[in-house]
PDB file of N, CA and C in Angstrom:
ATOM      1  N   MET A   1     122.046  83.536  88.362  1.00  0.00           N
ATOM      2  CA  MET A   1     122.203  84.780  87.967  1.00  0.00           C
ATOM      3  C   MET A   1     123.685  85.236  87.825  1.00  0.00           C
ATOM      4  N   ASN A   2     124.172  86.076  86.874  1.00  0.00           N
ATOM      5  CA  ASN A   2     125.496  86.349  86.774  1.00  0.00           C
ATOM      6  C   ASN A   2     125.619  87.496  87.601  1.00  0.00           C
ATOM      7  N   ILE A   3     126.867  88.025  87.853  1.00  0.00           N
ATOM      8  CA  ILE A   3     127.327  89.019  88.920  1.00  0.00           C
ATOM      9  C   ILE A   3     126.601  90.425  88.609  1.00  0.00           C
ATOM     10  N   THR A   4     126.420  90.766  87.262  1.00  0.00           N
ATOM     11  CA  THR A   4     125.827  92.072  86.842  1.00  0.00           C
ATOM     12  C   THR A   4     124.442  92.190  86.978  1.00  0.00           C
ATOM     13  N   ALA A   5     123.683  90.955  86.926  1.00  0.00           N
ATOM     14  CA  ALA A   5     122.383  90.977  87.247  1.00  0.00           C
ATOM     15  C   ALA A   5     122.140  91.127  88.567  1.00  0.00           C
ATOM     16  N   LYS A   6     122.818  90.408  89.589  1.00  0.00           N
ATOM     17  CA  LYS A   6     122.808  90.533  90.977  1.00  0.00           C
ATOM     18  C   LYS A   6     123.128  91.946  91.517  1.00  0.00           C
ATOM     19  N   GLN A   7     124.157  92.739  90.749  1.00  0.00           N
ATOM     20  CA  GLN A   7     124.548  93.995  91.367  1.00  0.00           C
ATOM     21  C   GLN A   7     123.292  94.993  90.967  1.00  0.00           C
ATOM     22  N   PHE A   8     122.706  94.922  89.678  1.00  0.00           N
ATOM     23  CA  PHE A   8     121.660  95.567  89.244  1.00  0.00           C
ATOM     24  C   PHE A   8     120.457  95.574  90.116  1.00  0.00           C
ATOM     25  N   THR A   9     120.138  94.237  90.412  1.00  0.00           N
ATOM     26  CA  THR A   9     119.048  93.906  91.343  1.00  0.00           C
ATOM     27  C   THR A   9     119.336  94.835  92.853  1.00  0.00           C
ATOM     28  N   ILE A  10     120.324  94.544  93.162  1.00  0.00           N
ATOM     29  CA  ILE A  10     120.807  95.084  94.564  1.00  0.00           C
ATOM     30  C   ILE A  10     120.707  96.817  94.390  1.00  0.00           C
ATOM     31  N   PHE A  11     121.169  97.189  93.393  1.00  0.00           N
ATOM     32  CA  PHE A  11     121.086  98.655  93.264  1.00  0.00           C
ATOM     33  C   PHE A  11     119.749  99.179  93.050  1.00  0.00           C
ATOM     34  N   CYS A  12     118.891  98.354  92.379  1.00  0.00           N
ATOM     35  CA  CYS A  12     117.462  98.761  92.314  1.00  0.00           C
ATOM     36  C   CYS A  12     116.578  98.859  93.623  1.00  0.00           C
ATOM     37  N   VAL A  13     116.920  97.602  94.373  1.00  0.00           N
ATOM     38  CA  VAL A  13     116.282  97.629  95.751  1.00  0.00           C
ATOM     39  C   VAL A  13     116.923  98.769  96.524  1.00  0.00           C
ATOM     40  N   ILE A  14     117.978  99.078  96.649  1.00  0.00           N
ATOM     41  CA  ILE A  14     118.379 100.174  97.388  1.00  0.00           C
ATOM     42  C   ILE A  14     117.854 101.437  96.964  1.00  0.00           C
ATOM     43  N   ALA A  15     117.877 101.769  95.751  1.00  0.00           N
ATOM     44  CA  ALA A  15     117.284 102.983  95.005  1.00  0.00           C
ATOM     45  C   ALA A  15     116.006 103.071  95.671  1.00  0.00           C
ATOM     46  N   ALA A  16     115.227 102.081  95.342  1.00  0.00           N
ATOM     47  CA  ALA A  16     113.718 102.210  95.553  1.00  0.00           C
ATOM     48  C   ALA A  16     113.628 102.460  97.131  1.00  0.00           C
ATOM     49  N   LEU A  17     114.311 101.805  98.045  1.00  0.00           N
ATOM     50  CA  LEU A  17     114.225 102.245  99.636  1.00  0.00           C
ATOM     51  C   LEU A  17     114.594 103.705  99.689  1.00  0.00           C
ATOM     52  N   LEU A  18     115.489 104.050  99.116  1.00  0.00           N
ATOM     53  CA  LEU A  18     116.077 105.479  99.216  1.00  0.00           C
ATOM     54  C   LEU A  18     114.822 106.415  98.943  1.00  0.00           C
ATOM     55  N   PHE A  19     114.307 106.213  97.651  1.00  0.00           N
ATOM     56  CA  PHE A  19     113.227 107.200  97.213  1.00  0.00           C
ATOM     57  C   PHE A  19     111.928 106.996  97.713  1.00  0.00           C
ATOM     58  N   ILE A  20     111.370 105.658  98.182  1.00  0.00           N
ATOM     59  CA  ILE A  20     110.162 105.499  98.597  1.00  0.00           C
ATOM     60  C   ILE A  20     109.887 106.085 100.078  1.00  0.00           C
ATOM     61  N   THR A  21     110.820 105.897 100.943  1.00  0.00           N
ATOM     62  CA  THR A  21     110.826 106.095 102.338  1.00  0.00           C
ATOM     63  C   THR A  21     110.495 107.667 102.482  1.00  0.00           C
ATOM     64  N   PRO A  22     111.278 108.587 101.772  1.00  0.00           N
ATOM     65  CA  PRO A  22     110.844 109.888 102.183  1.00  0.00           C
ATOM     66  C   PRO A  22     109.545 110.308 101.421  1.00  0.00           C
ATOM     67  N   ALA A  23     109.105 109.804 100.487  1.00  0.00           N
ATOM     68  CA  ALA A  23     107.931 110.141  99.751  1.00  0.00           C
ATOM     69  C   ALA A  23     106.716 109.521 100.630  1.00  0.00           C
ATOM     70  N   ALA A  24     106.881 108.452 101.238  1.00  0.00           N
ATOM     71  CA  ALA A  24     105.974 107.960 102.015  1.00  0.00           C
ATOM     72  C   ALA A  24     105.751 108.848 103.461  1.00  0.00           C
ATOM     73  N   SER A  25     106.844 109.216 103.999  1.00  0.00           N
ATOM     74  CA  SER A  25     106.503 110.154 105.182  1.00  0.00           C
ATOM     75  C   SER A  25     106.203 111.476 104.623  1.00  0.00           C
ATOM     76  N   ALA A  26     106.322 112.090 103.623  1.00  0.00           N
ATOM     77  CA  ALA A  26     105.909 113.352 103.281  1.00  0.00           C
ATOM     78  C   ALA A  26     104.437 113.480 103.116  1.00  0.00           C
ATOM     79  N   GLN A  27     103.701 112.263 102.823  1.00  0.00           N
ATOM     80  CA  GLN A  27     102.247 112.283 102.766  1.00  0.00           C
ATOM     81  C   GLN A  27     101.610 112.452 104.051  1.00  0.00           C
ATOM     82  N   GLY A  28     102.220 112.079 105.293  1.00  0.00           N
ATOM     83  CA  GLY A  28     101.643 112.301 106.494  1.00  0.00           C
ATOM     84  C   GLY A  28     100.414 111.314 106.911  1.00  0.00           C
ATOM     85  N   MET A  29      99.654 111.715 107.828  1.00  0.00           N
ATOM     86  CA  MET A  29      98.618 111.041 108.101  1.00  0.00           C
ATOM     87  C   MET A  29      97.443 111.092 107.134  1.00  0.00           C
ATOM     88  N   PRO A  30      96.748 110.328 106.920  1.00  0.00           N
ATOM     89  CA  PRO A  30      95.328 110.415 105.944  1.00  0.00           C
ATOM     90  C   PRO A  30      94.384 111.130 106.802  1.00  0.00           C
ATOM     91  N   ASP A  31      93.771 111.954 105.929  1.00  0.00           N
ATOM     92  CA  ASP A  31      92.596 112.682 106.339  1.00  0.00           C
ATOM     93  C   ASP A  31      91.488 111.999 106.731  1.00  0.00           C
ATOM     94  N   LYS A  32      90.760 111.712 107.814  1.00  0.00           N
ATOM     95  CA  LYS A  32      89.929 110.666 107.858  1.00  0.00           C
ATOM     96  C   LYS A  32      88.432 111.492 107.507  1.00  0.00           C
ATOM     97  N   GLU A  33      88.329 112.812 107.791  1.00  0.00           N
ATOM     98  CA  GLU A  33      87.050 113.474 107.338  1.00  0.00           C
ATOM     99  C   GLU A  33      86.972 113.717 105.850  1.00  0.00           C
ATOM    100  N   ASN A  34      88.081 113.875 105.009  1.00  0.00           N
ATOM    101  CA  ASN A  34      87.934 113.961 103.604  1.00  0.00           C
ATOM    102  C   ASN A  34      88.861 112.833 102.805  1.00  0.00           C
ATOM    103  N   PRO A  35      88.098 111.703 102.740  1.00  0.00           N
ATOM    104  CA  PRO A  35      88.850 110.639 101.997  1.00  0.00           C
ATOM    105  C   PRO A  35      89.052 110.993 100.570  1.00  0.00           C
ATOM    106  N   ASP A  36      90.079 110.422  99.870  1.00  0.00           N
ATOM    107  CA  ASP A  36      90.385 110.704  98.529  1.00  0.00           C
ATOM    108  C   ASP A  36      89.551 109.903  97.548  1.00  0.00           C
ATOM    109  N   SER A  37      89.388 110.464  96.269  1.00  0.00           N
ATOM    110  CA  SER A  37      88.423 109.539  95.430  1.00  0.00           C
ATOM    111  C   SER A  37      88.803 108.146  95.140  1.00  0.00           C
ATOM    112  N   GLY A  38      89.979 107.758  95.324  1.00  0.00           N
ATOM    113  CA  GLY A  38      90.434 106.440  95.184  1.00  0.00           C
ATOM    114  C   GLY A  38      89.787 105.594  96.188  1.00  0.00           C
ATOM    115  N   LYS A  39      89.915 106.144  97.538  1.00  0.00           N
ATOM    116  CA  LYS A  39      89.290 105.404  98.616  1.00  0.00           C
ATOM    117  C   LYS A  39      87.674 105.140  98.575  1.00  0.00           C
ATOM    118  N   MET A  40      87.018 106.223  98.078  1.00  0.00           N
ATOM    119  CA  MET A  40      85.506 106.286  97.976  1.00  0.00           C
ATOM    120  C   MET A  40      85.104 105.324  96.909  1.00  0.00           C
ATOM    121  N   ALA A  41      86.201 105.348  95.597  1.00  0.00           N
ATOM    122  CA  ALA A  41      85.657 104.421  94.771  1.00  0.00           C
ATOM    123  C   ALA A  41      85.988 102.958  94.810  1.00  0.00           C
ATOM    124  N   PHE A  42      86.943 102.751  95.718  1.00  0.00           N
ATOM    125  CA  PHE A  42      87.180 101.325  96.201  1.00  0.00           C
ATOM    126  C   PHE A  42      86.140 100.897  97.200  1.00  0.00           C
ATOM    127  N   ASP A  43      85.737 101.889  98.128  1.00  0.00           N
ATOM    128  CA  ASP A  43      84.529 101.421  98.978  1.00  0.00           C
ATOM    129  C   ASP A  43      83.391 101.210  98.152  1.00  0.00           C
ATOM    130  N   LEU A  44      82.776 102.108  97.356  1.00  0.00           N
ATOM    131  CA  LEU A  44      81.755 102.001  96.588  1.00  0.00           C
ATOM    132  C   LEU A  44      81.556 100.637  95.593  1.00  0.00           C
ATOM    133  N   LEU A  45      82.894 100.435  94.984  1.00  0.00           N
ATOM    134  CA  LEU A  45      82.754  99.503  93.910  1.00  0.00           C
ATOM    135  C   LEU A  45      83.092  97.967  94.556  1.00  0.00           C
ATOM    136  N   LEU A  46      83.836  97.858  95.667  1.00  0.00           N
ATOM    137  CA  LEU A  46      84.304  96.653  96.347  1.00  0.00           C
ATOM    138  C   LEU A  46      83.654  96.347  97.433  1.00  0.00           C
ATOM    139  N   MET A  47      83.887  97.215  98.518  1.00  0.00           N
ATOM    140  CA  MET A  47      83.786  96.995  99.868  1.00  0.00           C
ATOM    141  C   MET A  47      82.086  96.934 100.183  1.00  0.00           C
ATOM    142  N   ARG A  48      81.462  97.940  99.524  1.00  0.00           N
ATOM    143  CA  ARG A  48      79.868  97.973  99.539  1.00  0.00           C
ATOM    144  C   ARG A  48      79.130  96.650  99.186  1.00  0.00           C
ATOM    145  N   PRO A  49      79.629  96.399  98.003  1.00  0.00           N
ATOM    146  CA  PRO A  49      78.960  95.196  97.466  1.00  0.00           C
ATOM    147  C   PRO A  49      79.255  93.875  98.367  1.00  0.00           C
ATOM    148  N   PHE A  50      80.450  93.771  98.784  1.00  0.00           N
ATOM    149  CA  PHE A  50      80.925  92.597  99.642  1.00  0.00           C
ATOM    150  C   PHE A  50      79.920  92.829 100.932  1.00  0.00           C
ATOM    151  N   GLY A  51      79.848  93.899 101.573  1.00  0.00           N
ATOM    152  CA  GLY A  51      79.042  94.182 102.640  1.00  0.00           C
ATOM    153  C   GLY A  51      77.679  93.736 102.566  1.00  0.00           C
ATOM    154  N   MET A  52      77.176  94.152 101.235  1.00  0.00           N
ATOM    155  CA  MET A  52      75.657  93.676 101.210  1.00  0.00           C
ATOM    156  C   MET A  52      75.598  92.134 100.916  1.00  0.00           C
ATOM    157  N   ILE A  53      76.475  91.406 100.375  1.00  0.00           N
ATOM    158  CA  ILE A  53      76.663  89.990 100.299  1.00  0.00           C
ATOM    159  C   ILE A  53      76.715  89.359 101.638  1.00  0.00           C
ATOM    160  N   ALA A  54      77.519  90.010 102.555  1.00  0.00           N
ATOM    161  CA  ALA A  54      77.608  89.571 103.784  1.00  0.00           C
ATOM    162  C   ALA A  54      76.358  89.694 104.661  1.00  0.00           C
ATOM    163  N   THR A  55      75.739  90.791 104.479  1.00  0.00           N
ATOM    164  CA  THR A  55      74.299  90.966 105.075  1.00  0.00           C
ATOM    165  C   THR A  55      73.413  89.861 104.636  1.00  0.00           C
ATOM    166  N   VAL A  56      73.365  89.514 103.346  1.00  0.00           N
ATOM    167  CA  VAL A  56      72.463  88.351 102.942  1.00  0.00           C
ATOM    168  C   VAL A  56      72.898  87.157 103.254  1.00  0.00           C
ATOM    169  N   LEU A  57      74.064  86.803 103.273  1.00  0.00           N
ATOM    170  CA  LEU A  57      74.630  85.511 103.730  1.00  0.00           C
ATOM    171  C   LEU A  57      74.456  85.349 105.242  1.00  0.00           C
ATOM    172  N   GLY A  58      74.611  86.487 106.115  1.00  0.00           N
ATOM    173  CA  GLY A  58      74.523  86.333 107.512  1.00  0.00           C
ATOM    174  C   GLY A  58      72.887  86.191 107.940  1.00  0.00           C
ATOM    175  N   SER A  59      72.170  86.891 107.192  1.00  0.00           N
ATOM    176  CA  SER A  59      70.592  86.740 107.376  1.00  0.00           C
ATOM    177  C   SER A  59      70.251  85.372 107.111  1.00  0.00           C
ATOM    178  N   ALA A  60      70.882  84.645 106.112  1.00  0.00           N
ATOM    179  CA  ALA A  60      70.229  83.260 105.809  1.00  0.00           C
ATOM    180  C   ALA A  60      70.941  82.346 106.878  1.00  0.00           C
ATOM    181  N   ALA A  61      72.365  82.752 107.265  1.00  0.00           N
ATOM    182  CA  ALA A  61      72.799  81.818 108.297  1.00  0.00           C
ATOM    183  C   ALA A  61      72.181  81.982 109.804  1.00  0.00           C
ATOM    184  N   PHE A  62      71.592  83.147 109.962  1.00  0.00           N
ATOM    185  CA  PHE A  62      70.768  83.518 111.304  1.00  0.00           C
ATOM    186  C   PHE A  62      69.581  82.642 111.300  1.00  0.00           C
ATOM    187  N   VAL A  63      69.008  82.573 110.126  1.00  0.00           N
ATOM    188  CA  VAL A  63      67.424  81.876 110.025  1.00  0.00           C
ATOM    189  C   VAL A  63      67.881  80.411 110.133  1.00  0.00           C
ATOM    190  N   VAL A  64      69.049  79.818 109.595  1.00  0.00           N
ATOM    191  CA  VAL A  64      69.354  78.487 109.882  1.00  0.00           C
ATOM    192  C   VAL A  64      69.733  78.203 111.252  1.00  0.00           C
ATOM    193  N   SER A  65      70.529  79.113 111.825  1.00  0.00           N
ATOM    194  CA  SER A  65      70.790  78.988 113.138  1.00  0.00           C
ATOM    195  C   SER A  65      69.835  79.393 114.309  1.00  0.00           C
ATOM    196  N   LEU A  66      68.754  79.829 113.944  1.00  0.00           N
ATOM    197  CA  LEU A  66      67.928  80.337 114.795  1.00  0.00           C
ATOM    198  C   LEU A  66      67.095  79.513 115.924  1.00  0.00           C
ATOM    199  N   PRO A  67      67.033  78.194 115.586  1.00  0.00           N
ATOM    200  CA  PRO A  67      66.649  77.204 116.612  1.00  0.00           C
ATOM    201  C   PRO A  67      67.532  76.936 117.620  1.00  0.00           C
ATOM    202  N   PHE A  68      68.897  76.974 117.041  1.00  0.00           N
ATOM    203  CA  PHE A  68      70.107  76.417 118.091  1.00  0.00           C
ATOM    204  C   PHE A  68      70.293  77.669 118.859  1.00  0.00           C
ATOM    205  N   SER A  69      70.087  79.093 118.316  1.00  0.00           N
ATOM    206  CA  SER A  69      70.281  80.091 119.117  1.00  0.00           C
ATOM    207  C   SER A  69      69.212  80.231 120.169  1.00  0.00           C
ATOM    208  N   PHE A  70      67.997  79.911 119.742  1.00  0.00           N
ATOM    209  CA  PHE A  70      66.846  79.759 120.613  1.00  0.00           C
ATOM    210  C   PHE A  70      67.226  78.978 121.856  1.00  0.00           C
ATOM    211  N   MET A  71      67.468  77.712 121.556  1.00  0.00           N
ATOM    212  CA  MET A  71      67.857  76.728 122.465  1.00  0.00           C
ATOM    213  C   MET A  71      69.072  77.327 123.685  1.00  0.00           C
ATOM    214  N   GLY A  72      69.822  77.782 122.754  1.00  0.00           N
ATOM    215  CA  GLY A  72      71.102  78.372 123.503  1.00  0.00           C
ATOM    216  C   GLY A  72      70.859  79.636 124.289  1.00  0.00           C
ATOM    217  N   GLY A  73      69.703  80.301 123.998  1.00  0.00           N
ATOM    218  CA  GLY A  73      69.392  81.494 124.747  1.00  0.00           C
ATOM    219  C   GLY A  73      70.372  82.700 124.266  1.00  0.00           C
ATOM    220  N   ASN A  74      70.807  82.591 122.902  1.00  0.00           N
ATOM    221  CA  ASN A  74      71.733  83.840 122.579  1.00  0.00           C
ATOM    222  C   ASN A  74      71.274  84.203 121.123  1.00  0.00           C
ATOM    223  N   ILE A  75      70.106  84.497 121.068  1.00  0.00           N
ATOM    224  CA  ILE A  75      69.443  85.156 119.846  1.00  0.00           C
ATOM    225  C   ILE A  75      69.897  86.447 119.408  1.00  0.00           C
ATOM    226  N   GLU A  76      69.974  87.492 120.406  1.00  0.00           N
ATOM    227  CA  GLU A  76      70.357  88.582 120.344  1.00  0.00           C
ATOM    228  C   GLU A  76      71.902  88.678 119.843  1.00  0.00           C
ATOM    229  N   PRO A  77      72.968  88.043 120.784  1.00  0.00           N
ATOM    230  CA  PRO A  77      74.263  88.111 119.961  1.00  0.00           C
ATOM    231  C   PRO A  77      74.420  87.713 118.665  1.00  0.00           C
ATOM    232  N   ALA A  78      73.729  86.740 118.385  1.00  0.00           N
ATOM    233  CA  ALA A  78      73.634  86.060 116.984  1.00  0.00           C
ATOM    234  C   ALA A  78      73.177  86.964 115.914  1.00  0.00           C
ATOM    235  N   TYR A  79      71.973  87.672 116.249  1.00  0.00           N
ATOM    236  CA  TYR A  79      71.408  88.669 115.384  1.00  0.00           C
ATOM    237  C   TYR A  79      72.500  89.873 115.285  1.00  0.00           C
ATOM    238  N   GLU A  80      73.344  90.305 116.377  1.00  0.00           N
ATOM    239  CA  GLU A  80      74.173  91.392 116.316  1.00  0.00           C
ATOM    240  C   GLU A  80      75.255  90.999 115.143  1.00  0.00           C
ATOM    241  N   LYS A  81      75.827  89.816 115.402  1.00  0.00           N
ATOM    242  CA  LYS A  81      77.102  89.407 114.573  1.00  0.00           C
ATOM    243  C   LYS A  81      76.615  89.050 113.207  1.00  0.00           C
ATOM    244  N   MET A  82      75.533  88.480 113.096  1.00  0.00           N
ATOM    245  CA  MET A  82      75.195  87.923 111.606  1.00  0.00           C
ATOM    246  C   MET A  82      74.608  88.975 110.886  1.00  0.00           C
ATOM    247  N   ILE A  83      73.793  89.834 111.374  1.00  0.00           N
ATOM    248  CA  ILE A  83      72.914  90.582 110.572  1.00  0.00           C
ATOM    249  C   ILE A  83      73.312  92.138 110.795  1.00  0.00           C
ATOM    250  N   GLU A  84      73.296  92.743 112.250  1.00  0.00           N
ATOM    251  CA  GLU A  84      73.302  94.032 112.310  1.00  0.00           C
ATOM    252  C   GLU A  84      74.603  94.591 111.955  1.00  0.00           C
ATOM    253  N   ASP A  85      75.843  93.897 112.510  1.00  0.00           N
ATOM    254  CA  ASP A  85      77.169  94.391 112.174  1.00  0.00           C
ATOM    255  C   ASP A  85      77.435  94.658 110.792  1.00  0.00           C
ATOM    256  N   PRO A  86      77.312  93.373 109.707  1.00  0.00           N
ATOM    257  CA  PRO A  86      77.341  93.776 108.520  1.00  0.00           C
ATOM    258  C   PRO A  86      76.424  94.648 107.992  1.00  0.00           C
ATOM    259  N   ALA A  87      75.309  95.001 108.042  1.00  0.00           N
ATOM    260  CA  ALA A  87      74.315  95.889 107.675  1.00  0.00           C
ATOM    261  C   ALA A  87      74.798  97.352 108.158  1.00  0.00           C
ATOM    262  N   SER A  88      75.140  97.444 109.187  1.00  0.00           N
ATOM    263  CA  SER A  88      75.702  98.711 109.804  1.00  0.00           C
ATOM    264  C   SER A  88      76.893  99.182 109.014  1.00  0.00           C
ATOM    265  N   TYR A  89      77.938  98.285 108.732  1.00  0.00           N
ATOM    266  CA  TYR A  89      79.182  98.421 108.135  1.00  0.00           C
ATOM    267  C   TYR A  89      78.688  98.826 106.692  1.00  0.00           C
ATOM    268  N   THR A  90      77.747  98.181 106.028  1.00  0.00           N
ATOM    269  CA  THR A  90      77.510  98.337 104.642  1.00  0.00           C
ATOM    270  C   THR A  90      76.640  99.772 104.500  1.00  0.00           C
ATOM    271  N   PHE A  91      75.737 100.013 105.226  1.00  0.00           N
ATOM    272  CA  PHE A  91      74.874 101.195 105.063  1.00  0.00           C
ATOM    273  C   PHE A  91      75.062 102.444 106.077  1.00  0.00           C
ATOM    274  N   ASN A  92      75.495 102.355 107.107  1.00  0.00           N
ATOM    275  CA  ASN A  92      75.517 103.462 108.068  1.00  0.00           C
ATOM    276  C   ASN A  92      76.741 104.335 108.175  1.00  0.00           C
ATOM    277  N   ARG A  93      77.989 103.998 107.392  1.00  0.00           N
ATOM    278  CA  ARG A  93      79.013 104.565 107.716  1.00  0.00           C
ATOM    279  C   ARG A  93      79.440 105.263 106.511  1.00  0.00           C
ATOM    280  N   PRO A  94      80.190 106.655 106.466  1.00  0.00           N
ATOM    281  CA  PRO A  94      80.293 107.388 105.389  1.00  0.00           C
ATOM    282  C   PRO A  94      81.025 106.554 104.247  1.00  0.00           C
ATOM    283  N   LEU A  95      81.009 107.263 103.125  1.00  0.00           N
ATOM    284  CA  LEU A  95      81.717 106.466 102.043  1.00  0.00           C
ATOM    285  C   LEU A  95      83.275 106.817 102.054  1.00  0.00           C
ATOM    286  N   GLY A  96      84.048 105.957 101.929  1.00  0.00           N
ATOM    287  CA  GLY A  96      85.583 105.891 102.006  1.00  0.00           C
ATOM    288  C   GLY A  96      86.165 105.762 103.267  1.00  0.00           C
ATOM    289  N   ASP A  97      85.157 105.515 104.414  1.00  0.00           N
ATOM    290  CA  ASP A  97      85.625 105.258 105.717  1.00  0.00           C
ATOM    291  C   ASP A  97      85.498 103.796 105.971  1.00  0.00           C
ATOM    292  N   PHE A  98      86.563 102.989 105.801  1.00  0.00           N
ATOM    293  CA  PHE A  98      86.516 101.546 106.035  1.00  0.00           C
ATOM    294  C   PHE A  98      87.805 101.249 107.017  1.00  0.00           C
TER     295      PHE A  98
END
């Protein structure tokens, strides 16, 4: 890289740091009760489908592990971690709260 390109790169990085920092602090803390539409869309289109997939895969894994969980005496913790937690994350929380 020649000197002019290095200087331009350094200038751009410094300028970005100077302008991004005040803009980020001006936004303040996010409002948990009123999430913005971007968070809601991200949750609806990406997180909820992955939660449903995790619930289905967890259910299948629970059925496969059921004999071993029964022998170990830990059916309830296995159920909570493999089925109940993903289902609760997917279906029992407000949209945009992840």
